[in-house]
Amino acid sequence: MKNYIPLRKYKHPFKETARRDPYRSTLKPKGQPICPSCRAVSIRGRWLSRRQLEHQKTPVEPTQEVKCPACRQKEDQFALGVIEIRGEAWRQNQEEILKTLKNTESIARSRNDQERILWVKELKNMIKVYVSLPDLARQMGRELENSFQGFTEYSHSTEEPYLRVRWWSDLPRMKHRPGHALELGVENGANTQQKQRAQKSRAFRARSRG
């Protein structure tokens, strides 16, 4: 009798193993623990904020105090995503950009209370916004590019679930059609660095087709 191999093994023969989050586990905590910092409550393994608890039909009875993963990350200064705001054009709309990121956090947090902005660090040439989960960093990068144009780059870590999002406010936006090579934006003044990224993408797609 031949050994059975799942179909997904044929589809993804070189798929890397799932990366582990040191602050989150597949085991559900017992009872309904409450976070002493943000007052979120874990119900059946899902952390709910105080606003979300108001819509619960069943009564909530916290059994013990346990810090939620997001509060532990903030305490340990351990983020799983960062958004780097670069360039010079963002200085003119700094308040609107930070407000857009805050609104993106509130929308994501309504679905998952653990998607939060942990802290913000202002440097001379950029602003770094550290977040608790990579998905929130990806959403913020897309929102910045859609709202304020610019160019966004995403860098993944191969060892841990970490995402670095770099948004250049001065660069023209990349235009891309599915199935076609990357094309530079219509705006003039595209720099050499952006052209090199487009050339590398074309070369990678050519190797994959060959």
C-alpha atoms as a PDB file:
ATOM      1  CA  MET A   1       0.000   0.000   0.000  1.00  0.00           C
ATOM      2  CA  LYS A   2       1.406   3.377  -0.993  1.00  0.00           C
ATOM      3  CA  ASN A   3       1.884   6.018   1.628  1.00  0.00           C
ATOM      4  CA  TYR A   4      -0.662   8.816   1.425  1.00  0.00           C
ATOM      5  CA  ILE A   5       0.810  12.282   0.844  1.00  0.00           C
ATOM      6  CA  PRO A   6      -1.520  15.270   1.322  1.00  0.00           C
ATOM      7  CA  LEU A   7      -2.236  17.326  -1.753  1.00  0.00           C
ATOM      8  CA  ARG A   8      -0.881  20.467  -0.102  1.00  0.00           C
ATOM      9  CA  LYS A   9       2.587  18.859  -0.064  1.00  0.00           C
ATOM     10  CA  TYR A  10       2.523  18.769  -3.867  1.00  0.00           C
ATOM     11  CA  LYS A  11       1.278  22.336  -4.127  1.00  0.00           C
ATOM     12  CA  HIS A  12       3.834  23.760  -1.669  1.00  0.00           C
ATOM     13  CA  PRO A  13       6.858  21.401  -1.630  1.00  0.00           C
ATOM     14  CA  PHE A  14       9.234  24.121  -0.384  1.00  0.00           C
ATOM     15  CA  LYS A  15       6.885  25.928   1.966  1.00  0.00           C
ATOM     16  CA  GLU A  16       8.680  27.020   5.122  1.00  0.00           C
ATOM     17  CA  THR A  17       7.434  25.948   8.534  1.00  0.00           C
ATOM     18  CA  ALA A  18       5.132  28.239  10.456  1.00  0.00           C
ATOM     19  CA  ARG A  19       6.990  30.794  12.539  1.00  0.00           C
ATOM     20  CA  ARG A  20       6.189  30.875  16.229  1.00  0.00           C
ATOM     21  CA  ASP A  21       5.038  33.877  18.201  1.00  0.00           C
ATOM     22  CA  PRO A  22       6.695  33.834  21.658  1.00  0.00           C
ATOM     23  CA  TYR A  23       3.767  35.753  23.203  1.00  0.00           C
ATOM     24  CA  ARG A  24       0.931  33.658  21.804  1.00  0.00           C
ATOM     25  CA  SER A  25       0.106  29.988  22.202  1.00  0.00           C
ATOM     26  CA  THR A  26      -2.420  27.605  20.722  1.00  0.00           C
ATOM     27  CA  LEU A  27      -3.507  26.619  24.235  1.00  0.00           C
ATOM     28  CA  LYS A  28      -6.513  28.520  25.553  1.00  0.00           C
ATOM     29  CA  PRO A  29      -6.257  29.909  29.099  1.00  0.00           C
ATOM     30  CA  LYS A  30      -8.590  28.442  31.662  1.00  0.00           C
ATOM     31  CA  GLY A  31     -11.602  30.434  32.742  1.00  0.00           C
ATOM     32  CA  GLN A  32     -11.953  34.087  31.798  1.00  0.00           C
ATOM     33  CA  PRO A  33      -8.744  35.879  32.798  1.00  0.00           C
ATOM     34  CA  ILE A  34      -8.692  39.681  32.788  1.00  0.00           C
ATOM     35  CA  CYS A  35      -5.717  41.870  31.908  1.00  0.00           C
ATOM     36  CA  PRO A  36      -4.855  44.220  34.799  1.00  0.00           C
ATOM     37  CA  SER A  37      -3.420  46.849  32.402  1.00  0.00           C
ATOM     38  CA  CYS A  38      -6.001  47.272  29.603  1.00  0.00           C
ATOM     39  CA  ARG A  39      -8.892  45.408  31.335  1.00  0.00           C
ATOM     40  CA  ALA A  40      -9.397  43.116  28.343  1.00  0.00           C
ATOM     41  CA  VAL A  41     -10.928  39.701  29.055  1.00  0.00           C
ATOM     42  CA  SER A  42     -10.082  36.405  27.370  1.00  0.00           C
ATOM     43  CA  ILE A  43     -13.194  34.433  26.395  1.00  0.00           C
ATOM     44  CA  ARG A  44     -12.550  31.026  24.831  1.00  0.00           C
ATOM     45  CA  GLY A  45      -9.030  32.080  23.851  1.00  0.00           C
ATOM     46  CA  ARG A  46      -9.967  35.451  22.318  1.00  0.00           C
ATOM     47  CA  TRP A  47      -9.141  38.727  24.039  1.00  0.00           C
ATOM     48  CA  LEU A  48     -12.005  41.246  24.015  1.00  0.00           C
ATOM     49  CA  SER A  49     -11.795  44.918  24.928  1.00  0.00           C
ATOM     50  CA  ARG A  50     -14.182  46.639  27.334  1.00  0.00           C
ATOM     51  CA  ARG A  51     -16.198  48.014  24.414  1.00  0.00           C
ATOM     52  CA  GLN A  52     -16.528  44.552  22.886  1.00  0.00           C
ATOM     53  CA  LEU A  53     -17.606  43.103  26.223  1.00  0.00           C
ATOM     54  CA  GLU A  54     -20.644  45.390  26.258  1.00  0.00           C
ATOM     55  CA  HIS A  55     -22.100  43.460  23.301  1.00  0.00           C
ATOM     56  CA  GLN A  56     -21.684  40.050  24.925  1.00  0.00           C
ATOM     57  CA  LYS A  57     -24.991  38.318  25.669  1.00  0.00           C
ATOM     58  CA  THR A  58     -23.575  35.984  28.298  1.00  0.00           C
ATOM     59  CA  PRO A  59     -22.310  37.524  31.552  1.00  0.00           C
ATOM     60  CA  VAL A  60     -18.553  37.911  31.918  1.00  0.00           C
ATOM     61  CA  GLU A  61     -17.045  36.710  35.191  1.00  0.00           C
ATOM     62  CA  PRO A  62     -13.239  37.183  35.313  1.00  0.00           C
ATOM     63  CA  THR A  63     -11.525  34.442  37.260  1.00  0.00           C
ATOM     64  CA  GLN A  64      -7.945  35.682  37.521  1.00  0.00           C
ATOM     65  CA  GLU A  65      -5.587  38.450  36.397  1.00  0.00           C
ATOM     66  CA  VAL A  66      -3.318  37.640  33.460  1.00  0.00           C
ATOM     67  CA  LYS A  67      -1.626  40.186  31.218  1.00  0.00           C
ATOM     68  CA  CYS A  68      -2.674  39.948  27.588  1.00  0.00           C
ATOM     69  CA  PRO A  69       0.028  39.383  24.935  1.00  0.00           C
ATOM     70  CA  ALA A  70      -0.114  42.981  23.661  1.00  0.00           C
ATOM     71  CA  CYS A  71       0.478  44.459  27.125  1.00  0.00           C
ATOM     72  CA  ARG A  72       3.342  42.034  27.694  1.00  0.00           C
ATOM     73  CA  GLN A  73       4.892  43.102  24.392  1.00  0.00           C
ATOM     74  CA  LYS A  74       4.620  46.768  25.348  1.00  0.00           C
ATOM     75  CA  GLU A  75       6.158  46.098  28.744  1.00  0.00           C
ATOM     76  CA  ASP A  76       9.047  44.107  27.235  1.00  0.00           C
ATOM     77  CA  GLN A  77       9.489  46.537  24.309  1.00  0.00           C
ATOM     78  CA  PHE A  78       9.054  43.633  21.880  1.00  0.00           C
ATOM     79  CA  ALA A  79       7.194  44.552  18.679  1.00  0.00           C
ATOM     80  CA  LEU A  80       6.352  42.243  15.796  1.00  0.00           C
ATOM     81  CA  GLY A  81       6.053  45.007  13.214  1.00  0.00           C
ATOM     82  CA  VAL A  82       7.339  48.503  12.534  1.00  0.00           C
ATOM     83  CA  ILE A  83       6.303  51.216  10.071  1.00  0.00           C
ATOM     84  CA  GLU A  84       9.101  53.559   9.018  1.00  0.00           C
ATOM     85  CA  ILE A  85       7.882  56.917   7.654  1.00  0.00           C
ATOM     86  CA  ARG A  86      10.698  58.325   5.525  1.00  0.00           C
ATOM     87  CA  GLY A  87      11.339  61.260   3.223  1.00  0.00           C
ATOM     88  CA  GLU A  88      10.550  64.952   3.632  1.00  0.00           C
ATOM     89  CA  ALA A  89       6.974  65.323   2.354  1.00  0.00           C
ATOM     90  CA  TRP A  90       5.470  63.657   5.426  1.00  0.00           C
ATOM     91  CA  ARG A  91       6.504  66.590   7.643  1.00  0.00           C
ATOM     92  CA  GLN A  92       3.830  68.774   6.070  1.00  0.00           C
ATOM     93  CA  ASN A  93       1.085  66.243   6.894  1.00  0.00           C
ATOM     94  CA  GLN A  94       2.506  64.739  10.067  1.00  0.00           C
ATOM     95  CA  GLU A  95      -0.669  65.147  12.132  1.00  0.00           C
ATOM     96  CA  GLU A  96      -2.877  63.692   9.390  1.00  0.00           C
ATOM     97  CA  ILE A  97      -0.530  60.735   8.877  1.00  0.00           C
ATOM     98  CA  LEU A  98      -0.448  59.863  12.579  1.00  0.00           C
ATOM     99  CA  LYS A  99      -4.223  60.271  12.758  1.00  0.00           C
ATOM    100  CA  THR A 100      -4.622  57.910   9.789  1.00  0.00           C
ATOM    101  CA  LEU A 101      -2.478  55.290  11.541  1.00  0.00           C
ATOM    102  CA  LYS A 102      -4.519  55.706  14.722  1.00  0.00           C
ATOM    103  CA  ASN A 103      -7.785  55.234  12.803  1.00  0.00           C
ATOM    104  CA  THR A 104      -6.355  52.132  11.114  1.00  0.00           C
ATOM    105  CA  GLU A 105      -5.484  50.754  14.545  1.00  0.00           C
ATOM    106  CA  SER A 106      -8.998  51.391  15.881  1.00  0.00           C
ATOM    107  CA  ILE A 107     -10.583  49.592  12.899  1.00  0.00           C
ATOM    108  CA  ALA A 108      -8.227  46.614  13.231  1.00  0.00           C
ATOM    109  CA  ARG A 109      -8.665  46.543  17.000  1.00  0.00           C
ATOM    110  CA  SER A 110     -12.444  46.283  16.619  1.00  0.00           C
ATOM    111  CA  ARG A 111     -11.822  42.915  14.936  1.00  0.00           C
ATOM    112  CA  ASN A 112      -8.851  41.805  17.030  1.00  0.00           C
ATOM    113  CA  ASP A 113      -8.091  43.623  20.278  1.00  0.00           C
ATOM    114  CA  GLN A 114      -4.459  42.471  20.138  1.00  0.00           C
ATOM    115  CA  GLU A 115      -3.655  44.570  17.057  1.00  0.00           C
ATOM    116  CA  ARG A 116      -2.312  47.716  18.696  1.00  0.00           C
ATOM    117  CA  ILE A 117       0.250  50.502  18.376  1.00  0.00           C
ATOM    118  CA  LEU A 118       2.794  49.844  21.118  1.00  0.00           C
ATOM    119  CA  TRP A 119       4.942  52.987  20.948  1.00  0.00           C
ATOM    120  CA  VAL A 120       6.103  55.690  18.529  1.00  0.00           C
ATOM    121  CA  LYS A 121       9.714  56.802  18.147  1.00  0.00           C
ATOM    122  CA  GLU A 122      10.571  60.080  16.427  1.00  0.00           C
ATOM    123  CA  LEU A 123      14.035  60.410  14.878  1.00  0.00           C
ATOM    124  CA  LYS A 124      15.687  63.174  12.871  1.00  0.00           C
ATOM    125  CA  ASN A 125      14.884  61.745   9.435  1.00  0.00           C
ATOM    126  CA  MET A 126      11.946  59.443  10.113  1.00  0.00           C
ATOM    127  CA  ILE A 127       9.202  58.276  12.452  1.00  0.00           C
ATOM    128  CA  LYS A 128       9.008  54.655  13.585  1.00  0.00           C
ATOM    129  CA  VAL A 129       5.649  53.256  14.676  1.00  0.00           C
ATOM    130  CA  TYR A 130       5.961  49.899  16.447  1.00  0.00           C
ATOM    131  CA  VAL A 131       2.936  47.584  16.439  1.00  0.00           C
ATOM    132  CA  SER A 132       2.042  44.302  18.105  1.00  0.00           C
ATOM    133  CA  LEU A 133       1.278  42.158  15.024  1.00  0.00           C
ATOM    134  CA  PRO A 134       2.607  42.032  11.439  1.00  0.00           C
ATOM    135  CA  ASP A 135      -0.898  42.169   9.935  1.00  0.00           C
ATOM    136  CA  LEU A 136      -1.458  45.613  11.442  1.00  0.00           C
ATOM    137  CA  ALA A 137       1.839  46.861   9.996  1.00  0.00           C
ATOM    138  CA  ARG A 138       0.805  45.626   6.537  1.00  0.00           C
ATOM    139  CA  GLN A 139      -2.585  47.342   6.789  1.00  0.00           C
ATOM    140  CA  MET A 140      -0.961  50.610   7.837  1.00  0.00           C
ATOM    141  CA  GLY A 141       1.489  50.485   4.931  1.00  0.00           C
ATOM    142  CA  ARG A 142      -1.335  50.021   2.436  1.00  0.00           C
ATOM    143  CA  GLU A 143      -3.363  52.801   4.014  1.00  0.00           C
ATOM    144  CA  LEU A 144      -0.445  55.242   3.847  1.00  0.00           C
ATOM    145  CA  GLU A 145       0.123  54.483   0.169  1.00  0.00           C
ATOM    146  CA  ASN A 146      -3.573  54.764  -0.680  1.00  0.00           C
ATOM    147  CA  SER A 147      -4.131  57.980   1.254  1.00  0.00           C
ATOM    148  CA  PHE A 148      -0.875  59.889   0.721  1.00  0.00           C
ATOM    149  CA  GLN A 149       0.619  58.167  -2.363  1.00  0.00           C
ATOM    150  CA  GLY A 150       4.360  57.543  -1.988  1.00  0.00           C
ATOM    151  CA  PHE A 151       6.088  54.159  -2.239  1.00  0.00           C
ATOM    152  CA  THR A 152       5.846  51.300   0.275  1.00  0.00           C
ATOM    153  CA  GLU A 153       8.279  48.411   0.737  1.00  0.00           C
ATOM    154  CA  TYR A 154       7.673  45.313   2.872  1.00  0.00           C
ATOM    155  CA  SER A 155      10.506  43.267   4.412  1.00  0.00           C
ATOM    156  CA  HIS A 156       9.711  39.957   6.107  1.00  0.00           C
ATOM    157  CA  SER A 157      11.868  38.132   8.627  1.00  0.00           C
ATOM    158  CA  THR A 158      12.720  34.482   7.942  1.00  0.00           C
ATOM    159  CA  GLU A 159      13.267  33.575  11.610  1.00  0.00           C
ATOM    160  CA  GLU A 160      10.340  35.202  13.408  1.00  0.00           C
ATOM    161  CA  PRO A 161       6.949  36.711  12.515  1.00  0.00           C
ATOM    162  CA  TYR A 162       8.316  40.241  12.050  1.00  0.00           C
ATOM    163  CA  LEU A 163       7.390  42.717   9.310  1.00  0.00           C
ATOM    164  CA  ARG A 164       9.200  45.964   8.515  1.00  0.00           C
ATOM    165  CA  VAL A 165       7.245  48.456   6.401  1.00  0.00           C
ATOM    166  CA  ARG A 166       9.128  51.364   4.826  1.00  0.00           C
ATOM    167  CA  TRP A 167       7.049  54.178   3.359  1.00  0.00           C
ATOM    168  CA  TRP A 168       8.798  56.882   1.334  1.00  0.00           C
ATOM    169  CA  SER A 169       6.610  59.960   1.105  1.00  0.00           C
ATOM    170  CA  ASP A 170       8.729  61.559  -1.654  1.00  0.00           C
ATOM    171  CA  LEU A 171       8.900  58.673  -4.141  1.00  0.00           C
ATOM    172  CA  PRO A 172       6.287  58.155  -6.869  1.00  0.00           C
ATOM    173  CA  ARG A 173       3.918  55.251  -6.455  1.00  0.00           C
ATOM    174  CA  MET A 174       4.603  51.986  -8.298  1.00  0.00           C
ATOM    175  CA  LYS A 175       1.878  50.924 -10.719  1.00  0.00           C
ATOM    176  CA  HIS A 176       1.393  47.188 -11.170  1.00  0.00           C
ATOM    177  CA  ARG A 177      -1.010  45.113 -13.214  1.00  0.00           C
ATOM    178  CA  PRO A 178      -1.429  41.433 -12.274  1.00  0.00           C
ATOM    179  CA  GLY A 179       0.592  39.235 -14.610  1.00  0.00           C
ATOM    180  CA  HIS A 180       2.759  42.103 -15.901  1.00  0.00           C
ATOM    181  CA  ALA A 181       6.103  43.504 -14.909  1.00  0.00           C
ATOM    182  CA  LEU A 182       6.298  46.381 -12.482  1.00  0.00           C
ATOM    183  CA  GLU A 183       5.953  49.811 -14.018  1.00  0.00           C
ATOM    184  CA  LEU A 184       7.100  53.126 -12.580  1.00  0.00           C
ATOM    185  CA  GLY A 185       4.524  55.757 -11.688  1.00  0.00           C
ATOM    186  CA  VAL A 186       3.499  58.462 -14.085  1.00  0.00           C
ATOM    187  CA  GLU A 187       5.150  61.163 -11.980  1.00  0.00           C
ATOM    188  CA  ASN A 188       8.562  62.373 -13.078  1.00  0.00           C
ATOM    189  CA  GLY A 189      11.684  62.184 -10.983  1.00  0.00           C
ATOM    190  CA  ALA A 190      11.732  58.444 -10.171  1.00  0.00           C
ATOM    191  CA  ASN A 191      15.088  57.739  -8.561  1.00  0.00           C
ATOM    192  CA  THR A 192      17.649  55.069  -9.389  1.00  0.00           C
ATOM    193  CA  GLN A 193      16.786  52.989  -6.329  1.00  0.00           C
ATOM    194  CA  GLN A 194      13.200  52.507  -7.457  1.00  0.00           C
ATOM    195  CA  LYS A 195      14.294  51.604 -11.004  1.00  0.00           C
ATOM    196  CA  GLN A 196      16.647  48.950  -9.623  1.00  0.00           C
ATOM    197  CA  ARG A 197      13.773  47.386  -7.641  1.00  0.00           C
ATOM    198  CA  ALA A 198      11.694  47.199 -10.821  1.00  0.00           C
ATOM    199  CA  GLN A 199      14.565  45.581 -12.748  1.00  0.00           C
ATOM    200  CA  LYS A 200      15.123  42.980 -10.011  1.00  0.00           C
ATOM    201  CA  SER A 201      11.419  42.136 -10.027  1.00  0.00           C
ATOM    202  CA  ARG A 202      11.433  41.658 -13.818  1.00  0.00           C
ATOM    203  CA  ALA A 203      14.503  39.388 -13.590  1.00  0.00           C
ATOM    204  CA  PHE A 204      12.909  37.304 -10.827  1.00  0.00           C
ATOM    205  CA  ARG A 205       9.708  36.832 -12.837  1.00  0.00           C
ATOM    206  CA  ALA A 206      11.737  35.838 -15.903  1.00  0.00           C
ATOM    207  CA  ARG A 207      13.614  33.152 -13.936  1.00  0.00           C
ATOM    208  CA  SER A 208      10.396  31.797 -12.481  1.00  0.00           C
ATOM    209  CA  ARG A 209       8.823  31.473 -15.950  1.00  0.00           C
ATOM    210  CA  GLY A 210      11.915  29.790 -17.303  1.00  0.00           C
END
